[in-house]
């Protein structure tokens, strides 16, 4: 196969792109993307669920039962002598028990190596 050099002024044909065609394609793609984003981003304010009201009623009943348990006396395990005491009363009893104990100084606090390094400025 023989390769010949092209004449000095010869160029490959340049294909011109139509501005209108390019603008049309960009607008079509942009509009399509915008519609897709708008359609998929719409979330109904309240999802229709036939079981929703039933679940809410069960949740309210559970919360009411738990609140009653927190504010009432009762046996947790009678054989072991474990009782349930209202939360406010339990805090009062604990405060009374802690107030009977003498106040003591805490034990010696030994700083860790990291605490010593950070206070001296080295790492």
C-alpha atoms as a PDB file:
ATOM      1  CA  UNK A   1       0.000   0.000   0.000  1.00  0.00           C
ATOM      2  CA  UNK A   2       1.346   3.329  -1.015  1.00  0.00           C
ATOM      3  CA  UNK A   3       0.882   6.307   1.296  1.00  0.00           C
ATOM      4  CA  UNK A   4       0.809   9.666  -0.366  1.00  0.00           C
ATOM      5  CA  UNK A   5       1.044  12.999   1.307  1.00  0.00           C
ATOM      6  CA  UNK A   6      -1.935  15.287   0.971  1.00  0.00           C
ATOM      7  CA  UNK A   7      -1.523  18.669  -0.637  1.00  0.00           C
ATOM      8  CA  UNK A   8      -0.539  21.469   1.717  1.00  0.00           C
ATOM      9  CA  UNK A   9      -3.893  23.250   1.696  1.00  0.00           C
ATOM     10  CA  UNK A  10      -6.139  20.180   1.975  1.00  0.00           C
ATOM     11  CA  UNK A  11      -8.098  19.656   5.196  1.00  0.00           C
ATOM     12  CA  UNK A  12     -10.490  17.034   6.426  1.00  0.00           C
ATOM     13  CA  UNK A  13     -14.097  18.077   5.964  1.00  0.00           C
ATOM     14  CA  UNK A  14     -15.473  19.759   9.103  1.00  0.00           C
ATOM     15  CA  UNK A  15     -19.022  18.995   9.997  1.00  0.00           C
ATOM     16  CA  UNK A  16     -20.843  21.948  11.481  1.00  0.00           C
ATOM     17  CA  UNK A  17     -23.203  21.377  14.386  1.00  0.00           C
ATOM     18  CA  UNK A  18     -26.525  23.109  14.123  1.00  0.00           C
ATOM     19  CA  UNK A  19     -27.036  25.423  17.096  1.00  0.00           C
ATOM     20  CA  UNK A  20     -30.797  24.896  16.969  1.00  0.00           C
ATOM     21  CA  UNK A  21     -30.442  21.121  17.034  1.00  0.00           C
ATOM     22  CA  UNK A  22     -28.014  21.271  19.975  1.00  0.00           C
ATOM     23  CA  UNK A  23     -30.279  23.674  21.876  1.00  0.00           C
ATOM     24  CA  UNK A  24     -33.292  21.428  21.215  1.00  0.00           C
ATOM     25  CA  UNK A  25     -31.491  18.367  22.573  1.00  0.00           C
ATOM     26  CA  UNK A  26     -30.329  20.229  25.699  1.00  0.00           C
ATOM     27  CA  UNK A  27     -33.834  21.584  26.358  1.00  0.00           C
ATOM     28  CA  UNK A  28     -35.398  18.153  25.830  1.00  0.00           C
ATOM     29  CA  UNK A  29     -32.969  16.465  28.231  1.00  0.00           C
ATOM     30  CA  UNK A  30     -33.311  19.243  30.806  1.00  0.00           C
ATOM     31  CA  UNK A  31     -37.101  19.148  30.685  1.00  0.00           C
ATOM     32  CA  UNK A  32     -37.130  15.353  30.960  1.00  0.00           C
ATOM     33  CA  UNK A  33     -34.798  15.447  33.967  1.00  0.00           C
ATOM     34  CA  UNK A  34     -36.873  18.180  35.617  1.00  0.00           C
ATOM     35  CA  UNK A  35     -40.126  16.275  35.166  1.00  0.00           C
ATOM     36  CA  UNK A  36     -38.535  13.072  36.503  1.00  0.00           C
ATOM     37  CA  UNK A  37     -37.169  14.830  39.591  1.00  0.00           C
ATOM     38  CA  UNK A  38     -40.474  16.601  40.235  1.00  0.00           C
ATOM     39  CA  UNK A  39     -42.470  13.384  39.867  1.00  0.00           C
ATOM     40  CA  UNK A  40     -40.291  11.254  42.144  1.00  0.00           C
ATOM     41  CA  UNK A  41     -39.784  13.952  44.772  1.00  0.00           C
ATOM     42  CA  UNK A  42     -43.503  14.338  45.431  1.00  0.00           C
ATOM     43  CA  UNK A  43     -44.335  12.482  48.631  1.00  0.00           C
ATOM     44  CA  UNK A  44     -47.904  12.392  49.832  1.00  0.00           C
ATOM     45  CA  UNK A  45     -48.336  14.309  53.077  1.00  0.00           C
ATOM     46  CA  UNK A  46     -49.964  11.326  54.715  1.00  0.00           C
ATOM     47  CA  UNK A  47     -49.427   7.840  53.418  1.00  0.00           C
ATOM     48  CA  UNK A  48     -52.674   5.974  52.969  1.00  0.00           C
ATOM     49  CA  UNK A  49     -52.500   2.948  55.206  1.00  0.00           C
ATOM     50  CA  UNK A  50     -55.598   1.082  56.324  1.00  0.00           C
ATOM     51  CA  UNK A  51     -53.781  -0.198  59.419  1.00  0.00           C
ATOM     52  CA  UNK A  52     -52.543   3.246  60.516  1.00  0.00           C
ATOM     53  CA  UNK A  53     -55.425   3.988  62.887  1.00  0.00           C
ATOM     54  CA  UNK A  54     -55.158   0.498  64.396  1.00  0.00           C
ATOM     55  CA  UNK A  55     -51.426   0.944  65.047  1.00  0.00           C
ATOM     56  CA  UNK A  56     -51.977   4.377  66.597  1.00  0.00           C
ATOM     57  CA  UNK A  57     -54.653   2.958  68.911  1.00  0.00           C
ATOM     58  CA  UNK A  58     -52.317   0.137  70.012  1.00  0.00           C
ATOM     59  CA  UNK A  59     -49.492   2.623  70.595  1.00  0.00           C
ATOM     60  CA  UNK A  60     -51.706   4.866  72.732  1.00  0.00           C
ATOM     61  CA  UNK A  61     -52.903   1.863  74.772  1.00  0.00           C
ATOM     62  CA  UNK A  62     -49.308   0.725  75.331  1.00  0.00           C
ATOM     63  CA  UNK A  63     -48.181   4.205  76.407  1.00  0.00           C
ATOM     64  CA  UNK A  64     -51.151   4.501  78.783  1.00  0.00           C
ATOM     65  CA  UNK A  65     -50.347   1.105  80.341  1.00  0.00           C
ATOM     66  CA  UNK A  66     -46.667   2.010  80.769  1.00  0.00           C
ATOM     67  CA  UNK A  67     -47.573   5.346  82.376  1.00  0.00           C
ATOM     68  CA  UNK A  68     -49.893   3.570  84.819  1.00  0.00           C
ATOM     69  CA  UNK A  69     -47.136   1.088  85.705  1.00  0.00           C
ATOM     70  CA  UNK A  70     -44.692   3.929  86.420  1.00  0.00           C
ATOM     71  CA  UNK A  71     -47.126   5.529  88.843  1.00  0.00           C
ATOM     72  CA  UNK A  72     -48.412   2.501  90.745  1.00  0.00           C
ATOM     73  CA  UNK A  73     -47.385  -0.042  93.355  1.00  0.00           C
ATOM     74  CA  UNK A  74     -47.316  -3.733  92.563  1.00  0.00           C
ATOM     75  CA  UNK A  75     -45.431  -6.986  92.691  1.00  0.00           C
ATOM     76  CA  UNK A  76     -42.796  -7.696  90.064  1.00  0.00           C
ATOM     77  CA  UNK A  77     -41.790 -11.046  91.618  1.00  0.00           C
ATOM     78  CA  UNK A  78     -43.544 -11.927  94.871  1.00  0.00           C
ATOM     79  CA  UNK A  79     -41.367 -14.998  95.568  1.00  0.00           C
ATOM     80  CA  UNK A  80     -38.198 -12.880  95.423  1.00  0.00           C
ATOM     81  CA  UNK A  81     -39.772  -9.900  97.191  1.00  0.00           C
ATOM     82  CA  UNK A  82     -39.336  -7.495  94.250  1.00  0.00           C
ATOM     83  CA  UNK A  83     -41.930  -4.729  94.143  1.00  0.00           C
ATOM     84  CA  UNK A  84     -42.770  -1.919  91.760  1.00  0.00           C
ATOM     85  CA  UNK A  85     -42.803   1.537  93.341  1.00  0.00           C
ATOM     86  CA  UNK A  86     -43.949   4.791  91.696  1.00  0.00           C
ATOM     87  CA  UNK A  87     -41.032   6.680  90.227  1.00  0.00           C
ATOM     88  CA  UNK A  88     -41.384   9.766  92.451  1.00  0.00           C
ATOM     89  CA  UNK A  89     -41.534   7.639  95.597  1.00  0.00           C
ATOM     90  CA  UNK A  90     -38.529   5.569  94.475  1.00  0.00           C
ATOM     91  CA  UNK A  91     -36.477   8.751  94.073  1.00  0.00           C
ATOM     92  CA  UNK A  92     -37.512   9.934  97.558  1.00  0.00           C
ATOM     93  CA  UNK A  93     -36.494   6.590  99.091  1.00  0.00           C
ATOM     94  CA  UNK A  94     -33.152   6.633  97.308  1.00  0.00           C
ATOM     95  CA  UNK A  95     -32.490  10.197  98.468  1.00  0.00           C
ATOM     96  CA  UNK A  96     -33.251   9.210 102.076  1.00  0.00           C
ATOM     97  CA  UNK A  97     -30.900   6.239 101.829  1.00  0.00           C
ATOM     98  CA  UNK A  98     -28.092   8.325 100.330  1.00  0.00           C
ATOM     99  CA  UNK A  99     -28.527  11.087 102.942  1.00  0.00           C
ATOM    100  CA  UNK A 100     -27.929   8.545 105.751  1.00  0.00           C
ATOM    101  CA  UNK A 101     -24.549   7.564 104.339  1.00  0.00           C
ATOM    102  CA  UNK A 102     -21.553   9.633 105.459  1.00  0.00           C
ATOM    103  CA  UNK A 103     -19.818  11.807 102.933  1.00  0.00           C
ATOM    104  CA  UNK A 104     -16.363  10.450 102.200  1.00  0.00           C
ATOM    105  CA  UNK A 105     -13.583  11.822 100.069  1.00  0.00           C
ATOM    106  CA  UNK A 106     -13.066  10.062  96.810  1.00  0.00           C
ATOM    107  CA  UNK A 107     -10.102   7.810  96.329  1.00  0.00           C
ATOM    108  CA  UNK A 108      -6.823   9.011  94.900  1.00  0.00           C
ATOM    109  CA  UNK A 109      -7.128   9.981  91.266  1.00  0.00           C
ATOM    110  CA  UNK A 110      -4.163   8.794  89.224  1.00  0.00           C
ATOM    111  CA  UNK A 111      -3.822  10.682  85.956  1.00  0.00           C
ATOM    112  CA  UNK A 112      -3.381   8.622  82.841  1.00  0.00           C
ATOM    113  CA  UNK A 113      -0.385   8.919  80.552  1.00  0.00           C
ATOM    114  CA  UNK A 114      -2.474  10.737  77.943  1.00  0.00           C
ATOM    115  CA  UNK A 115      -3.576  13.300  80.516  1.00  0.00           C
ATOM    116  CA  UNK A 116       0.055  13.919  81.487  1.00  0.00           C
ATOM    117  CA  UNK A 117       1.125  14.258  77.842  1.00  0.00           C
ATOM    118  CA  UNK A 118      -1.653  16.694  76.977  1.00  0.00           C
ATOM    119  CA  UNK A 119      -0.924  18.878  80.011  1.00  0.00           C
ATOM    120  CA  UNK A 120       2.794  19.079  79.178  1.00  0.00           C
ATOM    121  CA  UNK A 121       2.104  19.929  75.550  1.00  0.00           C
ATOM    122  CA  UNK A 122       3.800  16.867  74.038  1.00  0.00           C
ATOM    123  CA  UNK A 123       2.193  14.068  72.123  1.00  0.00           C
END
